[in-house]
Amino acid sequence: RDISMGHARALISIDDKEDQLNIFDQILSEELSVRQAEMLVKGITPQTRKRAAALKKASLSFEQTRHLEDIKEYIGDDVEVRKTDRGNGRITIPFKNEDDLNRILDLLNP
């Protein structure tokens, strides 16, 4: 019940269970549309498999989680941190429109 039938149809076409789970996680975490999920499934290659596996969410330390909560409170609840087991990753800050982007940029560049 977390995804639509269209998302499920795209996932069924993936033979590898691990790839299915990685794409499923990405659909949920990035709130992908069915069309985006289909495009993602069509683009699976050994390189994208490796990248998707590397970007699985690794546990954040207590201090990192505390800092993330502070950032979410400062910028907005949609801030996401994805960390790999190797310690690298990305911080994603979505915006809704041009004004929201400018608001975020103003917060980051006082």
C-alpha atoms as a PDB file:
ATOM      1  CA  ARG A   1       0.000   0.000   0.000  1.00  0.00           C
ATOM      2  CA  ASP A   2       3.039   2.248  -0.050  1.00  0.00           C
ATOM      3  CA  ILE A   3       3.164   2.352  -3.862  1.00  0.00           C
ATOM      4  CA  SER A   4       0.651   2.310  -6.700  1.00  0.00           C
ATOM      5  CA  MET A   5      -0.055  -0.527  -9.118  1.00  0.00           C
ATOM      6  CA  GLY A   6       1.914   1.356 -11.776  1.00  0.00           C
ATOM      7  CA  HIS A   7       4.969   1.447  -9.507  1.00  0.00           C
ATOM      8  CA  ALA A   8       4.540  -2.281  -8.809  1.00  0.00           C
ATOM      9  CA  ARG A   9       4.337  -3.091 -12.536  1.00  0.00           C
ATOM     10  CA  ALA A  10       7.633  -1.297 -13.099  1.00  0.00           C
ATOM     11  CA  LEU A  11       9.246  -3.192 -10.215  1.00  0.00           C
ATOM     12  CA  ILE A  12       8.007  -6.589 -11.429  1.00  0.00           C
ATOM     13  CA  SER A  13      10.046  -6.196 -14.613  1.00  0.00           C
ATOM     14  CA  ILE A  14      13.283  -6.236 -12.573  1.00  0.00           C
ATOM     15  CA  ASP A  15      14.710  -9.754 -12.218  1.00  0.00           C
ATOM     16  CA  ASP A  16      17.163  -9.087  -9.398  1.00  0.00           C
ATOM     17  CA  LYS A  17      15.479  -8.917  -5.962  1.00  0.00           C
ATOM     18  CA  GLU A  18      18.127  -6.578  -4.570  1.00  0.00           C
ATOM     19  CA  ASP A  19      17.608  -4.185  -7.488  1.00  0.00           C
ATOM     20  CA  GLN A  20      13.858  -4.335  -6.870  1.00  0.00           C
ATOM     21  CA  LEU A  21      14.327  -3.398  -3.224  1.00  0.00           C
ATOM     22  CA  ASN A  22      16.754  -0.592  -4.066  1.00  0.00           C
ATOM     23  CA  ILE A  23      14.339   0.901  -6.603  1.00  0.00           C
ATOM     24  CA  PHE A  24      11.426   0.428  -4.187  1.00  0.00           C
ATOM     25  CA  ASP A  25      13.345   2.345  -1.505  1.00  0.00           C
ATOM     26  CA  GLN A  26      14.162   5.075  -4.005  1.00  0.00           C
ATOM     27  CA  ILE A  27      10.504   5.343  -5.091  1.00  0.00           C
ATOM     28  CA  LEU A  28       9.491   5.862  -1.481  1.00  0.00           C
ATOM     29  CA  SER A  29      12.302   8.152  -0.384  1.00  0.00           C
ATOM     30  CA  GLU A  30      12.180  10.394  -3.461  1.00  0.00           C
ATOM     31  CA  GLU A  31       8.388  10.115  -3.920  1.00  0.00           C
ATOM     32  CA  LEU A  32       8.849   9.182  -7.577  1.00  0.00           C
ATOM     33  CA  SER A  33       5.929   9.218  -9.985  1.00  0.00           C
ATOM     34  CA  VAL A  34       5.097   6.054 -11.925  1.00  0.00           C
ATOM     35  CA  ARG A  35       6.701   7.563 -15.039  1.00  0.00           C
ATOM     36  CA  GLN A  36       9.894   8.389 -13.108  1.00  0.00           C
ATOM     37  CA  ALA A  37       9.964   4.859 -11.674  1.00  0.00           C
ATOM     38  CA  GLU A  38       9.569   3.361 -15.157  1.00  0.00           C
ATOM     39  CA  MET A  39      12.427   5.499 -16.469  1.00  0.00           C
ATOM     40  CA  LEU A  40      14.569   4.483 -13.516  1.00  0.00           C
ATOM     41  CA  VAL A  41      13.860   0.783 -14.122  1.00  0.00           C
ATOM     42  CA  LYS A  42      14.701   1.124 -17.829  1.00  0.00           C
ATOM     43  CA  GLY A  43      18.022   2.702 -16.920  1.00  0.00           C
ATOM     44  CA  ILE A  44      19.302  -0.097 -14.678  1.00  0.00           C
ATOM     45  CA  THR A  45      22.859  -1.003 -15.616  1.00  0.00           C
ATOM     46  CA  PRO A  46      25.679  -2.565 -13.589  1.00  0.00           C
ATOM     47  CA  GLN A  47      26.896   0.981 -12.836  1.00  0.00           C
ATOM     48  CA  THR A  48      23.489   2.149 -11.607  1.00  0.00           C
ATOM     49  CA  ARG A  49      23.148  -1.006  -9.500  1.00  0.00           C
ATOM     50  CA  LYS A  50      26.447  -0.218  -7.824  1.00  0.00           C
ATOM     51  CA  ARG A  51      25.425   3.421  -7.256  1.00  0.00           C
ATOM     52  CA  ALA A  52      22.004   2.474  -5.856  1.00  0.00           C
ATOM     53  CA  ALA A  53      23.566  -0.036  -3.479  1.00  0.00           C
ATOM     54  CA  ALA A  54      26.131   2.524  -2.333  1.00  0.00           C
ATOM     55  CA  LEU A  55      23.445   5.099  -1.603  1.00  0.00           C
ATOM     56  CA  LYS A  56      21.447   2.880   0.714  1.00  0.00           C
ATOM     57  CA  LYS A  57      20.792   4.770   3.865  1.00  0.00           C
ATOM     58  CA  ALA A  58      23.459   4.095   6.423  1.00  0.00           C
ATOM     59  CA  SER A  59      22.831   4.896  10.033  1.00  0.00           C
ATOM     60  CA  LEU A  60      23.614   8.396  11.162  1.00  0.00           C
ATOM     61  CA  SER A  61      25.344   8.910  14.476  1.00  0.00           C
ATOM     62  CA  PHE A  62      23.429  10.469  17.353  1.00  0.00           C
ATOM     63  CA  GLU A  63      25.248  13.766  16.791  1.00  0.00           C
ATOM     64  CA  GLN A  64      24.568  13.707  13.034  1.00  0.00           C
ATOM     65  CA  THR A  65      20.886  12.983  13.664  1.00  0.00           C
ATOM     66  CA  ARG A  66      20.723  15.891  16.113  1.00  0.00           C
ATOM     67  CA  HIS A  67      22.328  18.232  13.573  1.00  0.00           C
ATOM     68  CA  LEU A  68      19.951  16.995  10.855  1.00  0.00           C
ATOM     69  CA  GLU A  69      16.976  17.778  13.070  1.00  0.00           C
ATOM     70  CA  ASP A  70      18.359  21.299  13.615  1.00  0.00           C
ATOM     71  CA  ILE A  71      18.760  21.753   9.856  1.00  0.00           C
ATOM     72  CA  LYS A  72      15.232  20.482   9.220  1.00  0.00           C
ATOM     73  CA  GLU A  73      13.873  22.940  11.743  1.00  0.00           C
ATOM     74  CA  TYR A  74      15.884  25.790  10.184  1.00  0.00           C
ATOM     75  CA  ILE A  75      15.252  25.051   6.494  1.00  0.00           C
ATOM     76  CA  GLY A  76      12.210  22.780   6.405  1.00  0.00           C
ATOM     77  CA  ASP A  77      11.121  19.226   7.138  1.00  0.00           C
ATOM     78  CA  ASP A  78      11.913  17.850   3.670  1.00  0.00           C
ATOM     79  CA  VAL A  79      15.703  17.902   4.083  1.00  0.00           C
ATOM     80  CA  GLU A  80      17.118  14.422   3.512  1.00  0.00           C
ATOM     81  CA  VAL A  81      20.543  12.962   4.224  1.00  0.00           C
ATOM     82  CA  ARG A  82      21.696   9.788   2.504  1.00  0.00           C
ATOM     83  CA  LYS A  83      24.939   8.330   3.755  1.00  0.00           C
ATOM     84  CA  THR A  84      26.796   5.287   2.491  1.00  0.00           C
ATOM     85  CA  ASP A  85      28.674   2.743   4.558  1.00  0.00           C
ATOM     86  CA  ARG A  86      31.878   4.346   3.266  1.00  0.00           C
ATOM     87  CA  GLY A  87      30.913   7.637   4.910  1.00  0.00           C
ATOM     88  CA  ASN A  88      30.084   9.709   1.828  1.00  0.00           C
ATOM     89  CA  GLY A  89      26.611  10.664   0.661  1.00  0.00           C
ATOM     90  CA  ARG A  90      24.397  13.609  -0.136  1.00  0.00           C
ATOM     91  CA  ILE A  91      22.113  16.162   1.452  1.00  0.00           C
ATOM     92  CA  THR A  92      18.958  16.919  -0.527  1.00  0.00           C
ATOM     93  CA  ILE A  93      16.910  20.076  -0.013  1.00  0.00           C
ATOM     94  CA  PRO A  94      13.828  20.107  -2.256  1.00  0.00           C
ATOM     95  CA  PHE A  95      12.021  23.347  -3.141  1.00  0.00           C
ATOM     96  CA  LYS A  96       8.499  23.947  -4.412  1.00  0.00           C
ATOM     97  CA  ASN A  97       8.988  27.018  -6.591  1.00  0.00           C
ATOM     98  CA  GLU A  98      11.313  29.918  -7.355  1.00  0.00           C
ATOM     99  CA  ASP A  99      10.340  31.787  -4.176  1.00  0.00           C
ATOM    100  CA  ASP A 100      11.003  28.721  -2.039  1.00  0.00           C
ATOM    101  CA  LEU A 101      14.417  28.266  -3.702  1.00  0.00           C
ATOM    102  CA  ASN A 102      15.281  31.905  -2.989  1.00  0.00           C
ATOM    103  CA  ARG A 103      14.147  31.483   0.635  1.00  0.00           C
ATOM    104  CA  ILE A 104      16.443  28.480   1.066  1.00  0.00           C
ATOM    105  CA  LEU A 105      19.371  30.223  -0.620  1.00  0.00           C
ATOM    106  CA  ASP A 106      18.881  33.243   1.639  1.00  0.00           C
ATOM    107  CA  LEU A 107      18.947  30.958   4.681  1.00  0.00           C
ATOM    108  CA  LEU A 108      22.157  29.313   3.512  1.00  0.00           C
ATOM    109  CA  ASN A 109      23.858  32.598   2.563  1.00  0.00           C
ATOM    110  CA  PRO A 110      23.029  35.068   5.355  1.00  0.00           C
END
